[in-house]
Amino acid sequence: MYFVHYLEELKDSELQLKIRDVYERACTIHHLKKPSLHLQWAMFEESVENCNRAAEILVNLEKSVPNVLQIAYRRINLERRRGGS
């Protein structure tokens, strides 16, 4: 997928705002129901210490694509890393 390759190039440059913008456009416009891309976006947000946004992404993903066990696991593990807050 083109978005993933583009984002990998951006990570090297540490252009967080641009990366966030690409993920947001990809997930909210082009690939609304593509869990793998949303999960990558949530991981990115957590990696830049934006855990609240990561949790929000996972909640919204679970609403749009229900009954995907991997999403539930990611939410549980994120909450454990956040300290259950």
PDB file of N, CA and C in Angstrom:
ATOM      1  N   MET A   1       0.843  -1.164   0.000  1.00  0.00           N
ATOM      2  CA  MET A   1       0.000   0.000   0.000  1.00  0.00           C
ATOM      3  C   MET A   1       0.897   1.239   0.000  1.00  0.00           C
ATOM      4  N   TYR A   2       0.543   2.176  -0.810  1.00  0.00           N
ATOM      5  CA  TYR A   2       1.347   3.380  -1.009  1.00  0.00           C
ATOM      6  C   TYR A   2       1.514   4.186   0.280  1.00  0.00           C
ATOM      7  N   PHE A   3       0.426   4.311   1.069  1.00  0.00           N
ATOM      8  CA  PHE A   3       0.482   5.126   2.280  1.00  0.00           C
ATOM      9  C   PHE A   3       1.545   4.625   3.246  1.00  0.00           C
ATOM     10  N   VAL A   4       1.640   3.323   3.408  1.00  0.00           N
ATOM     11  CA  VAL A   4       2.580   2.743   4.363  1.00  0.00           C
ATOM     12  C   VAL A   4       4.016   3.042   3.952  1.00  0.00           C
ATOM     13  N   HIS A   5       4.328   2.881   2.681  1.00  0.00           N
ATOM     14  CA  HIS A   5       5.685   3.167   2.210  1.00  0.00           C
ATOM     15  C   HIS A   5       6.020   4.647   2.384  1.00  0.00           C
ATOM     16  N   TYR A   6       5.073   5.493   2.087  1.00  0.00           N
ATOM     17  CA  TYR A   6       5.282   6.931   2.241  1.00  0.00           C
ATOM     18  C   TYR A   6       5.538   7.287   3.705  1.00  0.00           C
ATOM     19  N   LEU A   7       4.777   6.674   4.602  1.00  0.00           N
ATOM     20  CA  LEU A   7       4.933   6.966   6.022  1.00  0.00           C
ATOM     21  C   LEU A   7       6.262   6.468   6.564  1.00  0.00           C
ATOM     22  N   GLU A   8       6.740   5.337   6.069  1.00  0.00           N
ATOM     23  CA  GLU A   8       8.037   4.828   6.507  1.00  0.00           C
ATOM     24  C   GLU A   8       9.145   5.801   6.140  1.00  0.00           C
ATOM     25  N   GLU A   9       9.044   6.416   4.981  1.00  0.00           N
ATOM     26  CA  GLU A   9      10.030   7.415   4.576  1.00  0.00           C
ATOM     27  C   GLU A   9       9.966   8.643   5.485  1.00  0.00           C
ATOM     28  N   LEU A  10       8.775   9.040   5.865  1.00  0.00           N
ATOM     29  CA  LEU A  10       8.623  10.220   6.710  1.00  0.00           C
ATOM     30  C   LEU A  10       9.143   9.995   8.125  1.00  0.00           C
ATOM     31  N   LYS A  11       9.031   8.773   8.648  1.00  0.00           N
ATOM     32  CA  LYS A  11       9.485   8.494  10.004  1.00  0.00           C
ATOM     33  C   LYS A  11      10.962   8.812  10.163  1.00  0.00           C
ATOM     34  N   ASP A  12      11.732   8.549   9.123  1.00  0.00           N
ATOM     35  CA  ASP A  12      13.156   8.823   9.198  1.00  0.00           C
ATOM     36  C   ASP A  12      13.417  10.308   9.370  1.00  0.00           C
ATOM     37  N   SER A  13      12.571  11.130   8.841  1.00  0.00           N
ATOM     38  CA  SER A  13      12.747  12.584   8.921  1.00  0.00           C
ATOM     39  C   SER A  13      12.100  13.184  10.166  1.00  0.00           C
ATOM     40  N   GLU A  14      11.386  12.367  10.917  1.00  0.00           N
ATOM     41  CA  GLU A  14      10.697  12.813  12.128  1.00  0.00           C
ATOM     42  C   GLU A  14       9.739  13.969  11.856  1.00  0.00           C
ATOM     43  N   LEU A  15       8.968  13.832  10.841  1.00  0.00           N
ATOM     44  CA  LEU A  15       7.967  14.847  10.488  1.00  0.00           C
ATOM     45  C   LEU A  15       6.604  14.424  11.031  1.00  0.00           C
ATOM     46  N   GLN A  16       6.460  14.524  12.336  1.00  0.00           N
ATOM     47  CA  GLN A  16       5.277  13.989  12.994  1.00  0.00           C
ATOM     48  C   GLN A  16       3.969  14.599  12.507  1.00  0.00           C
ATOM     49  N   LEU A  17       3.948  15.871  12.269  1.00  0.00           N
ATOM     50  CA  LEU A  17       2.700  16.495  11.822  1.00  0.00           C
ATOM     51  C   LEU A  17       2.279  15.989  10.455  1.00  0.00           C
ATOM     52  N   LYS A  18       3.245  15.814   9.576  1.00  0.00           N
ATOM     53  CA  LYS A  18       2.940  15.315   8.240  1.00  0.00           C
ATOM     54  C   LYS A  18       2.480  13.857   8.297  1.00  0.00           C
ATOM     55  N   ILE A  19       3.138  13.071   9.131  1.00  0.00           N
ATOM     56  CA  ILE A  19       2.750  11.668   9.297  1.00  0.00           C
ATOM     57  C   ILE A  19       1.322  11.587   9.816  1.00  0.00           C
ATOM     58  N   ARG A  20       1.033  12.378  10.829  1.00  0.00           N
ATOM     59  CA  ARG A  20      -0.310  12.378  11.417  1.00  0.00           C
ATOM     60  C   ARG A  20      -1.357  12.777  10.375  1.00  0.00           C
ATOM     61  N   ASP A  21      -1.038  13.765   9.571  1.00  0.00           N
ATOM     62  CA  ASP A  21      -1.958  14.225   8.536  1.00  0.00           C
ATOM     63  C   ASP A  21      -2.224  13.134   7.502  1.00  0.00           C
ATOM     64  N   VAL A  22      -1.179  12.419   7.099  1.00  0.00           N
ATOM     65  CA  VAL A  22      -1.348  11.341   6.119  1.00  0.00           C
ATOM     66  C   VAL A  22      -2.208  10.228   6.703  1.00  0.00           C
ATOM     67  N   TYR A  23      -1.920   9.821   7.937  1.00  0.00           N
ATOM     68  CA  TYR A  23      -2.738   8.783   8.577  1.00  0.00           C
ATOM     69  C   TYR A  23      -4.194   9.236   8.680  1.00  0.00           C
ATOM     70  N   GLU A  24      -4.399  10.459   9.102  1.00  0.00           N
ATOM     71  CA  GLU A  24      -5.768  10.942   9.282  1.00  0.00           C
ATOM     72  C   GLU A  24      -6.539  10.953   7.965  1.00  0.00           C
ATOM     73  N   ARG A  25      -5.923  11.459   6.913  1.00  0.00           N
ATOM     74  CA  ARG A  25      -6.601  11.471   5.610  1.00  0.00           C
ATOM     75  C   ARG A  25      -6.830  10.051   5.096  1.00  0.00           C
ATOM     76  N   ALA A  26      -5.832   9.197   5.257  1.00  0.00           N
ATOM     77  CA  ALA A  26      -5.965   7.821   4.774  1.00  0.00           C
ATOM     78  C   ALA A  26      -7.090   7.089   5.496  1.00  0.00           C
ATOM     79  N   CYS A  27      -7.174   7.285   6.808  1.00  0.00           N
ATOM     80  CA  CYS A  27      -8.145   6.534   7.607  1.00  0.00           C
ATOM     81  C   CYS A  27      -9.539   7.148   7.627  1.00  0.00           C
ATOM     82  N   THR A  28      -9.645   8.445   7.394  1.00  0.00           N
ATOM     83  CA  THR A  28     -10.964   9.076   7.469  1.00  0.00           C
ATOM     84  C   THR A  28     -11.579   9.356   6.107  1.00  0.00           C
ATOM     85  N   ILE A  29     -10.780   9.267   5.048  1.00  0.00           N
ATOM     86  CA  ILE A  29     -11.303   9.545   3.709  1.00  0.00           C
ATOM     87  C   ILE A  29     -11.199   8.327   2.798  1.00  0.00           C
ATOM     88  N   HIS A  30     -10.003   7.770   2.696  1.00  0.00           N
ATOM     89  CA  HIS A  30      -9.751   6.733   1.692  1.00  0.00           C
ATOM     90  C   HIS A  30     -10.010   5.306   2.172  1.00  0.00           C
ATOM     91  N   HIS A  31      -9.638   4.987   3.396  1.00  0.00           N
ATOM     92  CA  HIS A  31      -9.728   3.607   3.895  1.00  0.00           C
ATOM     93  C   HIS A  31     -10.463   3.587   5.236  1.00  0.00           C
ATOM     94  N   LEU A  32     -11.732   3.875   5.196  1.00  0.00           N
ATOM     95  CA  LEU A  32     -12.517   3.999   6.419  1.00  0.00           C
ATOM     96  C   LEU A  32     -12.592   2.710   7.227  1.00  0.00           C
ATOM     97  N   LYS A  33     -12.633   1.584   6.553  1.00  0.00           N
ATOM     98  CA  LYS A  33     -12.815   0.308   7.249  1.00  0.00           C
ATOM     99  C   LYS A  33     -11.635  -0.631   7.033  1.00  0.00           C
ATOM    100  N   LYS A  34     -10.434  -0.105   7.055  1.00  0.00           N
ATOM    101  CA  LYS A  34      -9.225  -0.915   6.903  1.00  0.00           C
ATOM    102  C   LYS A  34      -8.536  -0.982   8.267  1.00  0.00           C
ATOM    103  N   PRO A  35      -8.813  -2.021   9.047  1.00  0.00           N
ATOM    104  CA  PRO A  35      -8.304  -2.078  10.420  1.00  0.00           C
ATOM    105  C   PRO A  35      -6.783  -1.979  10.531  1.00  0.00           C
ATOM    106  N   SER A  36      -6.063  -2.599   9.629  1.00  0.00           N
ATOM    107  CA  SER A  36      -4.602  -2.599   9.760  1.00  0.00           C
ATOM    108  C   SER A  36      -4.031  -1.187   9.702  1.00  0.00           C
ATOM    109  N   LEU A  37      -4.576  -0.350   8.861  1.00  0.00           N
ATOM    110  CA  LEU A  37      -4.088   1.022   8.744  1.00  0.00           C
ATOM    111  C   LEU A  37      -4.433   1.836   9.994  1.00  0.00           C
ATOM    112  N   HIS A  38      -5.630   1.650  10.507  1.00  0.00           N
ATOM    113  CA  HIS A  38      -6.031   2.339  11.735  1.00  0.00           C
ATOM    114  C   HIS A  38      -5.166   1.892  12.916  1.00  0.00           C
ATOM    115  N   LEU A  39      -4.858   0.602  12.972  1.00  0.00           N
ATOM    116  CA  LEU A  39      -4.012   0.092  14.049  1.00  0.00           C
ATOM    117  C   LEU A  39      -2.611   0.681  13.970  1.00  0.00           C
ATOM    118  N   GLN A  40      -2.100   0.842  12.761  1.00  0.00           N
ATOM    119  CA  GLN A  40      -0.790   1.479  12.594  1.00  0.00           C
ATOM    120  C   GLN A  40      -0.842   2.931  13.053  1.00  0.00           C
ATOM    121  N   TRP A  41      -1.922   3.608  12.726  1.00  0.00           N
ATOM    122  CA  TRP A  41      -2.085   5.002  13.141  1.00  0.00           C
ATOM    123  C   TRP A  41      -2.103   5.100  14.667  1.00  0.00           C
ATOM    124  N   ALA A  42      -2.840   4.203  15.309  1.00  0.00           N
ATOM    125  CA  ALA A  42      -2.896   4.201  16.773  1.00  0.00           C
ATOM    126  C   ALA A  42      -1.512   3.926  17.364  1.00  0.00           C
ATOM    127  N   MET A  43      -0.769   3.009  16.761  1.00  0.00           N
ATOM    128  CA  MET A  43       0.589   2.733  17.240  1.00  0.00           C
ATOM    129  C   MET A  43       1.482   3.956  17.081  1.00  0.00           C
ATOM    130  N   PHE A  44       1.345   4.653  15.957  1.00  0.00           N
ATOM    131  CA  PHE A  44       2.126   5.874  15.751  1.00  0.00           C
ATOM    132  C   PHE A  44       1.816   6.895  16.839  1.00  0.00           C
ATOM    133  N   GLU A  45       0.532   7.126  17.093  1.00  0.00           N
ATOM    134  CA  GLU A  45       0.149   8.117  18.098  1.00  0.00           C
ATOM    135  C   GLU A  45       0.693   7.736  19.471  1.00  0.00           C
ATOM    136  N   GLU A  46       0.651   6.462  19.791  1.00  0.00           N
ATOM    137  CA  GLU A  46       1.203   6.026  21.072  1.00  0.00           C
ATOM    138  C   GLU A  46       2.721   6.210  21.103  1.00  0.00           C
ATOM    139  N   SER A  47       3.376   5.980  19.988  1.00  0.00           N
ATOM    140  CA  SER A  47       4.840   6.108  19.943  1.00  0.00           C
ATOM    141  C   SER A  47       5.300   7.550  20.133  1.00  0.00           C
ATOM    142  N   VAL A  48       4.442   8.508  19.804  1.00  0.00           N
ATOM    143  CA  VAL A  48       4.779   9.919  20.028  1.00  0.00           C
ATOM    144  C   VAL A  48       4.109  10.434  21.306  1.00  0.00           C
ATOM    145  N   GLU A  49       3.751   9.488  22.179  1.00  0.00           N
ATOM    146  CA  GLU A  49       3.196   9.769  23.505  1.00  0.00           C
ATOM    147  C   GLU A  49       1.874  10.523  23.463  1.00  0.00           C
ATOM    148  N   ASN A  50       1.063  10.191  22.478  1.00  0.00           N
ATOM    149  CA  ASN A  50      -0.279  10.750  22.379  1.00  0.00           C
ATOM    150  C   ASN A  50      -1.271   9.605  22.593  1.00  0.00           C
ATOM    151  N   CYS A  51      -1.248   9.062  23.812  1.00  0.00           N
ATOM    152  CA  CYS A  51      -2.050   7.876  24.121  1.00  0.00           C
ATOM    153  C   CYS A  51      -3.548   8.143  24.075  1.00  0.00           C
ATOM    154  N   ASN A  52      -3.959   9.348  24.414  1.00  0.00           N
ATOM    155  CA  ASN A  52      -5.389   9.670  24.354  1.00  0.00           C
ATOM    156  C   ASN A  52      -5.903   9.579  22.923  1.00  0.00           C
ATOM    157  N   ARG A  53      -5.132  10.086  21.980  1.00  0.00           N
ATOM    158  CA  ARG A  53      -5.527  10.019  20.563  1.00  0.00           C
ATOM    159  C   ARG A  53      -5.514   8.571  20.086  1.00  0.00           C
ATOM    160  N   ALA A  54      -4.531   7.793  20.523  1.00  0.00           N
ATOM    161  CA  ALA A  54      -4.465   6.379  20.143  1.00  0.00           C
ATOM    162  C   ALA A  54      -5.709   5.642  20.636  1.00  0.00           C
ATOM    163  N   ALA A  55      -6.111   5.914  21.869  1.00  0.00           N
ATOM    164  CA  ALA A  55      -7.308   5.277  22.418  1.00  0.00           C
ATOM    165  C   ALA A  55      -8.550   5.690  21.640  1.00  0.00           C
ATOM    166  N   GLU A  56      -8.630   6.955  21.280  1.00  0.00           N
ATOM    167  CA  GLU A  56      -9.768   7.456  20.501  1.00  0.00           C
ATOM    168  C   GLU A  56      -9.844   6.771  19.135  1.00  0.00           C
ATOM    169  N   ILE A  57      -8.708   6.593  18.490  1.00  0.00           N
ATOM    170  CA  ILE A  57      -8.658   5.920  17.185  1.00  0.00           C
ATOM    171  C   ILE A  57      -9.164   4.493  17.317  1.00  0.00           C
ATOM    172  N   LEU A  58      -8.728   3.803  18.368  1.00  0.00           N
ATOM    173  CA  LEU A  58      -9.147   2.413  18.560  1.00  0.00           C
ATOM    174  C   LEU A  58     -10.635   2.309  18.879  1.00  0.00           C
ATOM    175  N   VAL A  59     -11.156   3.230  19.662  1.00  0.00           N
ATOM    176  CA  VAL A  59     -12.592   3.226  19.978  1.00  0.00           C
ATOM    177  C   VAL A  59     -13.403   3.443  18.705  1.00  0.00           C
ATOM    178  N   ASN A  60     -13.010   4.424  17.904  1.00  0.00           N
ATOM    179  CA  ASN A  60     -13.730   4.701  16.655  1.00  0.00           C
ATOM    180  C   ASN A  60     -13.631   3.532  15.683  1.00  0.00           C
ATOM    181  N   LEU A  61     -12.475   2.898  15.639  1.00  0.00           N
ATOM    182  CA  LEU A  61     -12.303   1.742  14.759  1.00  0.00           C
ATOM    183  C   LEU A  61     -13.208   0.597  15.195  1.00  0.00           C
ATOM    184  N   GLU A  62     -13.278   0.376  16.500  1.00  0.00           N
ATOM    185  CA  GLU A  62     -14.122  -0.703  17.005  1.00  0.00           C
ATOM    186  C   GLU A  62     -15.600  -0.443  16.701  1.00  0.00           C
ATOM    187  N   LYS A  63     -15.999   0.814  16.671  1.00  0.00           N
ATOM    188  CA  LYS A  63     -17.381   1.152  16.317  1.00  0.00           C
ATOM    189  C   LYS A  63     -17.658   0.892  14.837  1.00  0.00           C
ATOM    190  N   SER A  64     -16.685   1.195  13.983  1.00  0.00           N
ATOM    191  CA  SER A  64     -16.918   1.030  12.545  1.00  0.00           C
ATOM    192  C   SER A  64     -16.678  -0.397  12.069  1.00  0.00           C
ATOM    193  N   VAL A  65     -15.821  -1.140  12.773  1.00  0.00           N
ATOM    194  CA  VAL A  65     -15.543  -2.537  12.407  1.00  0.00           C
ATOM    195  C   VAL A  65     -15.671  -3.369  13.689  1.00  0.00           C
ATOM    196  N   PRO A  66     -16.902  -3.698  14.082  1.00  0.00           N
ATOM    197  CA  PRO A  66     -17.094  -4.421  15.348  1.00  0.00           C
ATOM    198  C   PRO A  66     -16.663  -5.885  15.251  1.00  0.00           C
ATOM    199  N   ASN A  67     -16.477  -6.475  16.409  1.00  0.00           N
ATOM    200  CA  ASN A  67     -16.179  -7.903  16.542  1.00  0.00           C
ATOM    201  C   ASN A  67     -14.839  -8.316  15.944  1.00  0.00           C
ATOM    202  N   VAL A  68     -13.858  -7.421  15.963  1.00  0.00           N
ATOM    203  CA  VAL A  68     -12.505  -7.775  15.542  1.00  0.00           C
ATOM    204  C   VAL A  68     -11.676  -7.886  16.819  1.00  0.00           C
ATOM    205  N   LEU A  69     -11.264  -9.101  17.125  1.00  0.00           N
ATOM    206  CA  LEU A  69     -10.583  -9.375  18.380  1.00  0.00           C
ATOM    207  C   LEU A  69      -9.278  -8.601  18.525  1.00  0.00           C
ATOM    208  N   GLN A  70      -8.565  -8.410  17.444  1.00  0.00           N
ATOM    209  CA  GLN A  70      -7.288  -7.701  17.498  1.00  0.00           C
ATOM    210  C   GLN A  70      -7.464  -6.263  18.002  1.00  0.00           C
ATOM    211  N   ILE A  71      -8.559  -5.634  17.635  1.00  0.00           N
ATOM    212  CA  ILE A  71      -8.819  -4.264  18.097  1.00  0.00           C
ATOM    213  C   ILE A  71      -9.039  -4.260  19.608  1.00  0.00           C
ATOM    214  N   ALA A  72      -9.802  -5.218  20.094  1.00  0.00           N
ATOM    215  CA  ALA A  72     -10.037  -5.315  21.540  1.00  0.00           C
ATOM    216  C   ALA A  72      -8.730  -5.549  22.287  1.00  0.00           C
ATOM    217  N   TYR A  73      -7.880  -6.422  21.763  1.00  0.00           N
ATOM    218  CA  TYR A  73      -6.574  -6.665  22.392  1.00  0.00           C
ATOM    219  C   TYR A  73      -5.728  -5.403  22.423  1.00  0.00           C
ATOM    220  N   ARG A  74      -5.727  -4.666  21.338  1.00  0.00           N
ATOM    221  CA  ARG A  74      -4.945  -3.426  21.290  1.00  0.00           C
ATOM    222  C   ARG A  74      -5.459  -2.419  22.313  1.00  0.00           C
ATOM    223  N   ARG A  75      -6.771  -2.317  22.434  1.00  0.00           N
ATOM    224  CA  ARG A  75      -7.340  -1.381  23.413  1.00  0.00           C
ATOM    225  C   ARG A  75      -6.974  -1.785  24.833  1.00  0.00           C
ATOM    226  N   ILE A  76      -7.072  -3.074  25.128  1.00  0.00           N
ATOM    227  CA  ILE A  76      -6.729  -3.570  26.466  1.00  0.00           C
ATOM    228  C   ILE A  76      -5.260  -3.302  26.772  1.00  0.00           C
ATOM    229  N   ASN A  77      -4.391  -3.635  25.836  1.00  0.00           N
ATOM    230  CA  ASN A  77      -2.958  -3.442  26.061  1.00  0.00           C
ATOM    231  C   ASN A  77      -2.590  -1.968  26.163  1.00  0.00           C
ATOM    232  N   LEU A  78      -3.233  -1.128  25.379  1.00  0.00           N
ATOM    233  CA  LEU A  78      -2.985   0.310  25.477  1.00  0.00           C
ATOM    234  C   LEU A  78      -3.359   0.808  26.867  1.00  0.00           C
ATOM    235  N   GLU A  79      -4.513   0.380  27.365  1.00  0.00           N
ATOM    236  CA  GLU A  79      -4.941   0.805  28.700  1.00  0.00           C
ATOM    237  C   GLU A  79      -3.986   0.306  29.774  1.00  0.00           C
ATOM    238  N   ARG A  80      -3.471  -0.902  29.612  1.00  0.00           N
ATOM    239  CA  ARG A  80      -2.492  -1.419  30.577  1.00  0.00           C
ATOM    240  C   ARG A  80      -1.227  -0.574  30.559  1.00  0.00           C
ATOM    241  N   ARG A  81      -0.772  -0.194  29.369  1.00  0.00           N
ATOM    242  CA  ARG A  81       0.433   0.637  29.273  1.00  0.00           C
ATOM    243  C   ARG A  81       0.186   2.041  29.820  1.00  0.00           C
ATOM    244  N   ARG A  82      -1.033   2.514  29.683  1.00  0.00           N
ATOM    245  CA  ARG A  82      -1.386   3.843  30.203  1.00  0.00           C
ATOM    246  C   ARG A  82      -1.566   3.823  31.712  1.00  0.00           C
ATOM    247  N   GLY A  83      -1.647   2.659  32.281  1.00  0.00           N
ATOM    248  CA  GLY A  83      -1.856   2.551  33.722  1.00  0.00           C
ATOM    249  C   GLY A  83      -3.317   2.450  34.099  1.00  0.00           C
ATOM    250  N   GLY A  84      -4.141   2.065  33.121  1.00  0.00           N
ATOM    251  CA  GLY A  84      -5.561   1.870  33.392  1.00  0.00           C
ATOM    252  C   GLY A  84      -6.348   3.148  33.585  1.00  0.00           C
ATOM    253  N   SER A  85      -5.801   4.272  33.122  1.00  0.00           N
ATOM    254  CA  SER A  85      -6.503   5.552  33.318  1.00  0.00           C
ATOM    255  C   SER A  85      -7.593   5.771  32.310  1.00  0.00           C
TER     256      SER A  85
END
